[in-house]
Amino acid sequence: IVKRAPSIWGYFYETTDNRKYHEASHKFLERSRSINLKKFI
């Protein structure tokens, strides 16, 4: 994305910093947490 479509990465960065989309980004984080917590702990 950074190499071929940096504007998409910029959009992702800005939307995850926006209150309106913050809740959606946290839902994504919850899913990634459940996948990765075991080895981390």
All heavy atoms as atom14 arrays in JSON, in Angstrom:
{
  "sequence": "IVKRAPSIWGYFYETTDNRKYHEASHKFLERSRSINLKKFI",
  "atom14_mask": [
    [1, 1, 1, 1, 1, 1, 1, 1, 0, 0, 0, 0, 0, 0],
    [1, 1, 1, 1, 1, 1, 1, 0, 0, 0, 0, 0, 0, 0],
    [1, 1, 1, 1, 1, 1, 1, 1, 1, 0, 0, 0, 0, 0],
    [1, 1, 1, 1, 1, 1, 1, 1, 1, 1, 1, 0, 0, 0],
    [1, 1, 1, 1, 1, 0, 0, 0, 0, 0, 0, 0, 0, 0],
    [1, 1, 1, 1, 1, 1, 1, 0, 0, 0, 0, 0, 0, 0],
    [1, 1, 1, 1, 1, 1, 0, 0, 0, 0, 0, 0, 0, 0],
    [1, 1, 1, 1, 1, 1, 1, 1, 0, 0, 0, 0, 0, 0],
    [1, 1, 1, 1, 1, 1, 1, 1, 1, 1, 1, 1, 1, 1],
    [1, 1, 1, 1, 0, 0, 0, 0, 0, 0, 0, 0, 0, 0],
    [1, 1, 1, 1, 1, 1, 1, 1, 1, 1, 1, 1, 0, 0],
    [1, 1, 1, 1, 1, 1, 1, 1, 1, 1, 1, 0, 0, 0],
    [1, 1, 1, 1, 1, 1, 1, 1, 1, 1, 1, 1, 0, 0],
    [1, 1, 1, 1, 1, 1, 1, 1, 1, 0, 0, 0, 0, 0],
    [1, 1, 1, 1, 1, 1, 1, 0, 0, 0, 0, 0, 0, 0],
    [1, 1, 1, 1, 1, 1, 1, 0, 0, 0, 0, 0, 0, 0],
    [1, 1, 1, 1, 1, 1, 1, 1, 0, 0, 0, 0, 0, 0],
    [1, 1, 1, 1, 1, 1, 1, 1, 0, 0, 0, 0, 0, 0],
    [1, 1, 1, 1, 1, 1, 1, 1, 1, 1, 1, 0, 0, 0],
    [1, 1, 1, 1, 1, 1, 1, 1, 1, 0, 0, 0, 0, 0],
    [1, 1, 1, 1, 1, 1, 1, 1, 1, 1, 1, 1, 0, 0],
    [1, 1, 1, 1, 1, 1, 1, 1, 1, 1, 0, 0, 0, 0],
    [1, 1, 1, 1, 1, 1, 1, 1, 1, 0, 0, 0, 0, 0],
    [1, 1, 1, 1, 1, 0, 0, 0, 0, 0, 0, 0, 0, 0],
    [1, 1, 1, 1, 1, 1, 0, 0, 0, 0, 0, 0, 0, 0],
    [1, 1, 1, 1, 1, 1, 1, 1, 1, 1, 0, 0, 0, 0],
    [1, 1, 1, 1, 1, 1, 1, 1, 1, 0, 0, 0, 0, 0],
    [1, 1, 1, 1, 1, 1, 1, 1, 1, 1, 1, 0, 0, 0],
    [1, 1, 1, 1, 1, 1, 1, 1, 0, 0, 0, 0, 0, 0],
    [1, 1, 1, 1, 1, 1, 1, 1, 1, 0, 0, 0, 0, 0],
    [1, 1, 1, 1, 1, 1, 1, 1, 1, 1, 1, 0, 0, 0],
    [1, 1, 1, 1, 1, 1, 0, 0, 0, 0, 0, 0, 0, 0],
    [1, 1, 1, 1, 1, 1, 1, 1, 1, 1, 1, 0, 0, 0],
    [1, 1, 1, 1, 1, 1, 0, 0, 0, 0, 0, 0, 0, 0],
    [1, 1, 1, 1, 1, 1, 1, 1, 0, 0, 0, 0, 0, 0],
    [1, 1, 1, 1, 1, 1, 1, 1, 0, 0, 0, 0, 0, 0],
    [1, 1, 1, 1, 1, 1, 1, 1, 0, 0, 0, 0, 0, 0],
    [1, 1, 1, 1, 1, 1, 1, 1, 1, 0, 0, 0, 0, 0],
    [1, 1, 1, 1, 1, 1, 1, 1, 1, 0, 0, 0, 0, 0],
    [1, 1, 1, 1, 1, 1, 1, 1, 1, 1, 1, 0, 0, 0],
    [1, 1, 1, 1, 1, 1, 1, 1, 0, 0, 0, 0, 0, 0]
  ],
  "atom14_positions": [
    [[0.83, -1.21, 0.0], [0.0, 0.0, 0.0], [0.87, 1.26, 0.0], [0.63, 2.2, -0.76], [-0.97, 0.01, 1.2], [-2.04, -1.06, 1.01], [-1.62, 1.38, 1.36], [-2.94, -1.24, 2.21], [0.0, 0.0, 0.0], [0.0, 0.0, 0.0], [0.0, 0.0, 0.0], [0.0, 0.0, 0.0], [0.0, 0.0, 0.0], [0.0, 0.0, 0.0]],
    [[1.9, 1.28, 0.86], [2.78, 2.45, 0.93], [3.53, 2.64, -0.39], [3.72, 3.77, -0.85], [3.78, 2.3, 2.1], [4.87, 3.36, 2.02], [3.04, 2.4, 3.42], [0.0, 0.0, 0.0], [0.0, 0.0, 0.0], [0.0, 0.0, 0.0], [0.0, 0.0, 0.0], [0.0, 0.0, 0.0], [0.0, 0.0, 0.0], [0.0, 0.0, 0.0]],
    [[3.91, 1.53, -1.02], [4.67, 1.6, -2.26], [3.81, 1.97, -3.45], [4.19, 2.8, -4.29], [5.34, 0.24, -2.51], [6.21, 0.19, -3.75], [6.86, -1.19, -3.9], [7.71, -1.27, -5.15], [8.33, -2.61, -5.3], [0.0, 0.0, 0.0], [0.0, 0.0, 0.0], [0.0, 0.0, 0.0], [0.0, 0.0, 0.0], [0.0, 0.0, 0.0]],
    [[2.62, 1.38, -3.55], [1.81, 1.53, -4.75], [0.63, 2.49, -4.61], [0.16, 3.05, -5.59], [1.29, 0.15, -5.19], [2.39, -0.85, -5.48], [1.83, -2.21, -5.87], [2.86, -3.21, -6.07], [3.59, -3.35, -7.16], [3.36, -2.56, -8.2], [4.52, -4.29, -7.26], [0.0, 0.0, 0.0], [0.0, 0.0, 0.0], [0.0, 0.0, 0.0]],
    [[0.13, 2.64, -3.39], [-1.05, 3.51, -3.2], [-0.95, 4.23, -1.85], [-1.75, 3.97, -0.95], [-2.33, 2.68, -3.29], [0.0, 0.0, 0.0], [0.0, 0.0, 0.0], [0.0, 0.0, 0.0], [0.0, 0.0, 0.0], [0.0, 0.0, 0.0], [0.0, 0.0, 0.0], [0.0, 0.0, 0.0], [0.0, 0.0, 0.0], [0.0, 0.0, 0.0]],
    [[0.02, 5.12, -1.7], [0.21, 5.8, -0.41], [-1.01, 6.6, 0.05], [-1.2, 6.81, 1.25], [1.42, 6.72, -0.67], [1.5, 6.85, -2.15], [1.01, 5.56, -2.7], [0.0, 0.0, 0.0], [0.0, 0.0, 0.0], [0.0, 0.0, 0.0], [0.0, 0.0, 0.0], [0.0, 0.0, 0.0], [0.0, 0.0, 0.0], [0.0, 0.0, 0.0]],
    [[-1.84, 7.04, -0.9], [-3.04, 7.8, -0.52], [-4.0, 6.93, 0.28], [-4.72, 7.43, 1.16], [-3.74, 8.34, -1.77], [-4.12, 7.29, -2.64], [0.0, 0.0, 0.0], [0.0, 0.0, 0.0], [0.0, 0.0, 0.0], [0.0, 0.0, 0.0], [0.0, 0.0, 0.0], [0.0, 0.0, 0.0], [0.0, 0.0, 0.0], [0.0, 0.0, 0.0]],
    [[-4.03, 5.63, -0.01], [-4.89, 4.71, 0.75], [-4.39, 4.59, 2.19], [-5.18, 4.59, 3.14], [-4.94, 3.32, 0.08], [-5.64, 3.43, -1.27], [-5.65, 2.3, 0.98], [-5.68, 2.12, -2.04], [0.0, 0.0, 0.0], [0.0, 0.0, 0.0], [0.0, 0.0, 0.0], [0.0, 0.0, 0.0], [0.0, 0.0, 0.0], [0.0, 0.0, 0.0]],
    [[-3.06, 4.5, 2.35], [-2.5, 4.46, 3.7], [-2.8, 5.75, 4.44], [-3.14, 5.73, 5.63], [-1.0, 4.22, 3.66], [-0.4, 4.15, 5.04], [0.35, 5.1, 5.66], [-0.56, 3.09, 5.98], [0.68, 4.7, 6.93], [0.14, 3.47, 7.15], [-1.21, 1.86, 5.94], [0.2, 2.66, 8.28], [-1.16, 1.04, 7.07], [-0.46, 1.44, 8.22]],
    [[-2.71, 6.88, 3.74], [-3.04, 8.17, 4.36], [-4.49, 8.21, 4.8], [-4.81, 8.72, 5.88], [0.0, 0.0, 0.0], [0.0, 0.0, 0.0], [0.0, 0.0, 0.0], [0.0, 0.0, 0.0], [0.0, 0.0, 0.0], [0.0, 0.0, 0.0], [0.0, 0.0, 0.0], [0.0, 0.0, 0.0], [0.0, 0.0, 0.0], [0.0, 0.0, 0.0]],
    [[-5.38, 7.67, 3.98], [-6.8, 7.62, 4.31], [-7.02, 6.76, 5.56], [-7.78, 7.13, 6.46], [-7.58, 7.05, 3.13], [-9.07, 6.86, 3.42], [-9.94, 7.94, 3.39], [-9.57, 5.6, 3.71], [-11.29, 7.77, 3.66], [-10.93, 5.42, 3.99], [-11.78, 6.51, 3.96], [-13.11, 6.32, 4.24], [0.0, 0.0, 0.0], [0.0, 0.0, 0.0]],
    [[-6.35, 5.6, 5.6], [-6.47, 4.72, 6.77], [-5.98, 5.43, 8.03], [-6.62, 5.36, 9.09], [-5.67, 3.43, 6.53], [-5.58, 2.54, 7.74], [-6.63, 1.72, 8.09], [-4.42, 2.51, 8.52], [-6.56, 0.91, 9.21], [-4.33, 1.7, 9.63], [-5.4, 0.89, 9.98], [0.0, 0.0, 0.0], [0.0, 0.0, 0.0], [0.0, 0.0, 0.0]],
    [[-4.86, 6.12, 7.92], [-4.28, 6.82, 9.06], [-5.24, 7.89, 9.58], [-5.46, 8.02, 10.78], [-2.95, 7.46, 8.65], [-2.21, 8.15, 9.77], [-1.28, 7.46, 10.53], [-2.44, 9.5, 10.07], [-0.6, 8.08, 11.57], [-1.77, 10.13, 11.1], [-0.84, 9.42, 11.84], [-0.18, 10.04, 12.87], [0.0, 0.0, 0.0], [0.0, 0.0, 0.0]],
    [[-5.83, 8.64, 8.66], [-6.71, 9.74, 9.04], [-8.04, 9.23, 9.62], [-8.55, 9.78, 10.58], [-6.97, 10.64, 7.84], [-5.74, 11.44, 7.42], [-6.0, 12.26, 6.17], [-7.16, 12.3, 5.71], [-5.04, 12.86, 5.64], [0.0, 0.0, 0.0], [0.0, 0.0, 0.0], [0.0, 0.0, 0.0], [0.0, 0.0, 0.0], [0.0, 0.0, 0.0]],
    [[-8.6, 8.18, 9.0], [-9.89, 7.68, 9.48], [-9.78, 7.04, 10.86], [-10.68, 7.17, 11.68], [-10.51, 6.68, 8.5], [-9.56, 5.65, 8.2], [-10.94, 7.35, 7.22], [0.0, 0.0, 0.0], [0.0, 0.0, 0.0], [0.0, 0.0, 0.0], [0.0, 0.0, 0.0], [0.0, 0.0, 0.0], [0.0, 0.0, 0.0], [0.0, 0.0, 0.0]],
    [[-8.68, 6.34, 11.13], [-8.51, 5.72, 12.45], [-8.24, 6.77, 13.52], [-8.35, 6.48, 14.72], [-7.37, 4.69, 12.45], [-6.18, 5.3, 11.93], [-7.72, 3.48, 11.61], [0.0, 0.0, 0.0], [0.0, 0.0, 0.0], [0.0, 0.0, 0.0], [0.0, 0.0, 0.0], [0.0, 0.0, 0.0], [0.0, 0.0, 0.0], [0.0, 0.0, 0.0]],
    [[-7.9, 7.98, 13.1], [-7.69, 9.08, 14.05], [-8.95, 9.92, 14.22], [-8.98, 10.87, 14.98], [-6.54, 9.96, 13.56], [-6.03, 10.89, 14.64], [-5.97, 10.47, 15.81], [-5.69, 12.05, 14.32], [0.0, 0.0, 0.0], [0.0, 0.0, 0.0], [0.0, 0.0, 0.0], [0.0, 0.0, 0.0], [0.0, 0.0, 0.0], [0.0, 0.0, 0.0]],
    [[-10.01, 9.55, 13.49], [-11.27, 10.29, 13.53], [-12.24, 9.63, 14.51], [-12.42, 8.41, 14.5], [-11.89, 10.28, 12.11], [-13.09, 11.19, 12.02], [-14.02, 11.07, 12.79], [-13.08, 12.08, 11.05], [0.0, 0.0, 0.0], [0.0, 0.0, 0.0], [0.0, 0.0, 0.0], [0.0, 0.0, 0.0], [0.0, 0.0, 0.0], [0.0, 0.0, 0.0]],
    [[-12.84, 10.41, 15.38], [-13.76, 9.86, 16.39], [-14.86, 9.02, 15.76], [-15.28, 7.99, 16.3], [-14.41, 11.01, 17.19], [-13.51, 11.64, 18.2], [-14.27, 12.66, 19.03], [-13.41, 13.3, 20.0], [-13.1, 12.81, 21.19], [-13.6, 11.64, 21.54], [-12.31, 13.46, 22.01], [0.0, 0.0, 0.0], [0.0, 0.0, 0.0], [0.0, 0.0, 0.0]],
    [[-15.34, 9.43, 14.61], [-16.44, 8.75, 13.95], [-16.09, 7.3, 13.61], [-16.93, 6.41, 13.69], [-16.81, 9.51, 12.67], [-17.99, 8.94, 11.92], [-18.3, 9.79, 10.69], [-19.46, 9.19, 9.9], [-19.76, 9.99, 8.69], [0.0, 0.0, 0.0], [0.0, 0.0, 0.0], [0.0, 0.0, 0.0], [0.0, 0.0, 0.0], [0.0, 0.0, 0.0]],
    [[-14.82, 7.06, 13.25], [-14.4, 5.73, 12.84], [-13.57, 5.02, 13.91], [-13.13, 3.89, 13.7], [-13.59, 5.82, 11.54], [-14.36, 6.39, 10.39], [-14.2, 7.72, 10.01], [-15.27, 5.61, 9.68], [-14.93, 8.26, 8.96], [-16.0, 6.14, 8.63], [-15.82, 7.46, 8.27], [-16.54, 7.98, 7.23], [0.0, 0.0, 0.0], [0.0, 0.0, 0.0]],
    [[-13.34, 5.69, 15.03], [-12.49, 5.13, 16.08], [-13.06, 3.82, 16.62], [-12.34, 2.87, 16.89], [-12.33, 6.15, 17.2], [-11.11, 5.94, 18.03], [-9.87, 5.72, 17.47], [-10.94, 5.89, 19.37], [-8.98, 5.56, 18.44], [-9.62, 5.65, 19.59], [0.0, 0.0, 0.0], [0.0, 0.0, 0.0], [0.0, 0.0, 0.0], [0.0, 0.0, 0.0]],
    [[-14.39, 3.75, 16.77], [-15.03, 2.55, 17.3], [-14.83, 1.36, 16.36], [-14.55, 0.24, 16.79], [-16.53, 2.79, 17.51], [-17.23, 1.63, 18.18], [-18.69, 1.93, 18.45], [-19.07, 3.12, 18.48], [-19.45, 0.97, 18.64], [0.0, 0.0, 0.0], [0.0, 0.0, 0.0], [0.0, 0.0, 0.0], [0.0, 0.0, 0.0], [0.0, 0.0, 0.0]],
    [[-14.91, 1.61, 15.05], [-14.71, 0.54, 14.06], [-13.28, 0.02, 14.11], [-13.04, -1.19, 14.02], [-15.04, 1.05, 12.67], [0.0, 0.0, 0.0], [0.0, 0.0, 0.0], [0.0, 0.0, 0.0], [0.0, 0.0, 0.0], [0.0, 0.0, 0.0], [0.0, 0.0, 0.0], [0.0, 0.0, 0.0], [0.0, 0.0, 0.0], [0.0, 0.0, 0.0]],
    [[-12.32, 0.93, 14.28], [-10.93, 0.5, 14.34], [-10.68, -0.34, 15.59], [-9.89, -1.28, 15.58], [-9.99, 1.7, 14.3], [-10.17, 2.53, 15.43], [0.0, 0.0, 0.0], [0.0, 0.0, 0.0], [0.0, 0.0, 0.0], [0.0, 0.0, 0.0], [0.0, 0.0, 0.0], [0.0, 0.0, 0.0], [0.0, 0.0, 0.0], [0.0, 0.0, 0.0]],
    [[-11.37, -0.02, 16.68], [-11.22, -0.8, 17.91], [-11.81, -2.2, 17.75], [-11.31, -3.15, 18.34], [-11.86, -0.07, 19.09], [-10.91, 0.86, 19.78], [-10.01, 0.42, 20.7], [-10.71, 2.19, 19.66], [-9.29, 1.44, 21.14], [-9.69, 2.52, 20.51], [0.0, 0.0, 0.0], [0.0, 0.0, 0.0], [0.0, 0.0, 0.0], [0.0, 0.0, 0.0]],
    [[-12.87, -2.34, 16.97], [-13.42, -3.67, 16.71], [-12.4, -4.52, 15.96], [-12.25, -5.72, 16.22], [-14.72, -3.55, 15.91], [-15.88, -3.01, 16.73], [-17.14, -2.9, 15.89], [-18.29, -2.35, 16.73], [-19.53, -2.18, 15.92], [0.0, 0.0, 0.0], [0.0, 0.0, 0.0], [0.0, 0.0, 0.0], [0.0, 0.0, 0.0], [0.0, 0.0, 0.0]],
    [[-11.7, -3.89, 14.99], [-10.65, -4.6, 14.27], [-9.55, -5.02, 15.23], [-9.03, -6.15, 15.16], [-10.07, -3.71, 13.17], [-8.78, -4.22, 12.59], [-8.79, -5.27, 11.69], [-7.57, -3.65, 12.96], [-7.6, -5.76, 11.15], [-6.38, -4.13, 12.44], [-6.4, -5.19, 11.53], [0.0, 0.0, 0.0], [0.0, 0.0, 0.0], [0.0, 0.0, 0.0]],
    [[-9.18, -4.12, 16.15], [-8.14, -4.44, 17.12], [-8.53, -5.61, 18.01], [-7.71, -6.45, 18.35], [-7.84, -3.21, 17.99], [-7.02, -2.11, 17.33], [-6.92, -0.91, 18.26], [-5.63, -2.62, 17.0], [0.0, 0.0, 0.0], [0.0, 0.0, 0.0], [0.0, 0.0, 0.0], [0.0, 0.0, 0.0], [0.0, 0.0, 0.0], [0.0, 0.0, 0.0]],
    [[-9.8, -5.66, 18.39], [-10.28, -6.76, 19.22], [-10.07, -8.1, 18.52], [-9.67, -9.09, 19.13], [-11.77, -6.56, 19.56], [-12.04, -5.5, 20.6], [-11.39, -5.83, 21.93], [-11.38, -7.02, 22.32], [-10.88, -4.9, 22.58], [0.0, 0.0, 0.0], [0.0, 0.0, 0.0], [0.0, 0.0, 0.0], [0.0, 0.0, 0.0], [0.0, 0.0, 0.0]],
    [[-10.34, -8.13, 17.22], [-10.16, -9.37, 16.46], [-8.67, -9.74, 16.38], [-8.3, -10.91, 16.54], [-10.75, -9.23, 15.06], [-12.26, -9.06, 15.05], [-12.82, -9.16, 13.64], [-14.26, -8.94, 13.62], [-14.84, -7.79, 13.38], [-14.11, -6.73, 13.13], [-16.15, -7.68, 13.38], [0.0, 0.0, 0.0], [0.0, 0.0, 0.0], [0.0, 0.0, 0.0]],
    [[-7.82, -8.74, 16.12], [-6.38, -9.03, 16.02], [-5.81, -9.45, 17.38], [-4.92, -10.28, 17.45], [-5.63, -7.81, 15.49], [-5.64, -6.75, 16.41], [0.0, 0.0, 0.0], [0.0, 0.0, 0.0], [0.0, 0.0, 0.0], [0.0, 0.0, 0.0], [0.0, 0.0, 0.0], [0.0, 0.0, 0.0], [0.0, 0.0, 0.0], [0.0, 0.0, 0.0]],
    [[-6.34, -8.89, 18.45], [-5.9, -9.28, 19.79], [-6.17, -10.76, 20.06], [-5.32, -11.5, 20.54], [-6.62, -8.44, 20.85], [-6.1, -7.03, 21.03], [-7.05, -6.26, 21.9], [-6.56, -4.94, 22.25], [-7.3, -4.03, 22.86], [-8.56, -4.29, 23.17], [-6.8, -2.85, 23.17], [0.0, 0.0, 0.0], [0.0, 0.0, 0.0], [0.0, 0.0, 0.0]],
    [[-7.38, -11.2, 19.74], [-7.77, -12.58, 20.0], [-6.89, -13.55, 19.23], [-6.61, -14.66, 19.69], [-9.24, -12.8, 19.64], [-9.45, -12.58, 18.25], [0.0, 0.0, 0.0], [0.0, 0.0, 0.0], [0.0, 0.0, 0.0], [0.0, 0.0, 0.0], [0.0, 0.0, 0.0], [0.0, 0.0, 0.0], [0.0, 0.0, 0.0], [0.0, 0.0, 0.0]],
    [[-6.4, -13.14, 18.05], [-5.54, -13.99, 17.23], [-4.13, -14.06, 17.82], [-3.48, -15.11, 17.8], [-5.46, -13.45, 15.79], [-6.82, -13.56, 15.11], [-4.4, -14.2, 14.97], [-6.88, -12.85, 13.76], [0.0, 0.0, 0.0], [0.0, 0.0, 0.0], [0.0, 0.0, 0.0], [0.0, 0.0, 0.0], [0.0, 0.0, 0.0], [0.0, 0.0, 0.0]],
    [[-3.66, -12.96, 18.39], [-2.24, -12.84, 18.71], [-1.87, -12.88, 20.19], [-0.68, -12.85, 20.52], [-1.71, -11.53, 18.1], [-1.8, -11.52, 16.59], [-1.29, -12.42, 15.94], [-2.46, -10.52, 16.03], [0.0, 0.0, 0.0], [0.0, 0.0, 0.0], [0.0, 0.0, 0.0], [0.0, 0.0, 0.0], [0.0, 0.0, 0.0], [0.0, 0.0, 0.0]],
    [[-2.83, -12.93, 21.08], [-2.52, -12.79, 22.49], [-1.76, -13.97, 23.09], [-0.89, -13.79, 23.94], [-3.81, -12.58, 23.29], [-4.26, -11.13, 23.46], [-5.56, -11.06, 24.23], [-3.19, -10.31, 24.18], [0.0, 0.0, 0.0], [0.0, 0.0, 0.0], [0.0, 0.0, 0.0], [0.0, 0.0, 0.0], [0.0, 0.0, 0.0], [0.0, 0.0, 0.0]],
    [[-2.06, -15.2, 22.67], [-1.53, -16.39, 23.34], [0.01, -16.4, 23.39], [0.61, -16.53, 24.46], [-2.04, -17.65, 22.64], [-1.71, -18.93, 23.39], [-2.37, -20.12, 22.73], [-2.05, -21.4, 23.49], [-2.67, -22.59, 22.87], [0.0, 0.0, 0.0], [0.0, 0.0, 0.0], [0.0, 0.0, 0.0], [0.0, 0.0, 0.0], [0.0, 0.0, 0.0]],
    [[0.64, -16.28, 22.24], [2.1, -16.31, 22.17], [2.7, -15.09, 22.86], [3.76, -15.16, 23.51], [2.55, -16.38, 20.71], [4.04, -16.62, 20.54], [4.38, -16.78, 19.06], [5.89, -17.01, 18.87], [6.23, -17.16, 17.44], [0.0, 0.0, 0.0], [0.0, 0.0, 0.0], [0.0, 0.0, 0.0], [0.0, 0.0, 0.0], [0.0, 0.0, 0.0]],
    [[2.03, -13.95, 22.73], [2.47, -12.7, 23.34], [2.51, -12.85, 24.86], [3.51, -12.5, 25.51], [1.49, -11.59, 22.93], [2.08, -10.21, 22.93], [2.78, -9.74, 21.83], [1.93, -9.38, 24.02], [3.32, -8.46, 21.82], [2.47, -8.1, 24.02], [3.16, -7.64, 22.92], [0.0, 0.0, 0.0], [0.0, 0.0, 0.0], [0.0, 0.0, 0.0]],
    [[1.44, -13.37, 25.44], [1.36, -13.57, 26.89], [2.44, -14.54, 27.36], [3.09, -14.34, 28.39], [-0.04, -14.08, 27.3], [-1.07, -12.97, 27.09], [-0.05, -14.54, 28.75], [-2.5, -13.41, 27.34], [0.0, 0.0, 0.0], [0.0, 0.0, 0.0], [0.0, 0.0, 0.0], [0.0, 0.0, 0.0], [0.0, 0.0, 0.0], [0.0, 0.0, 0.0]]
  ]
}
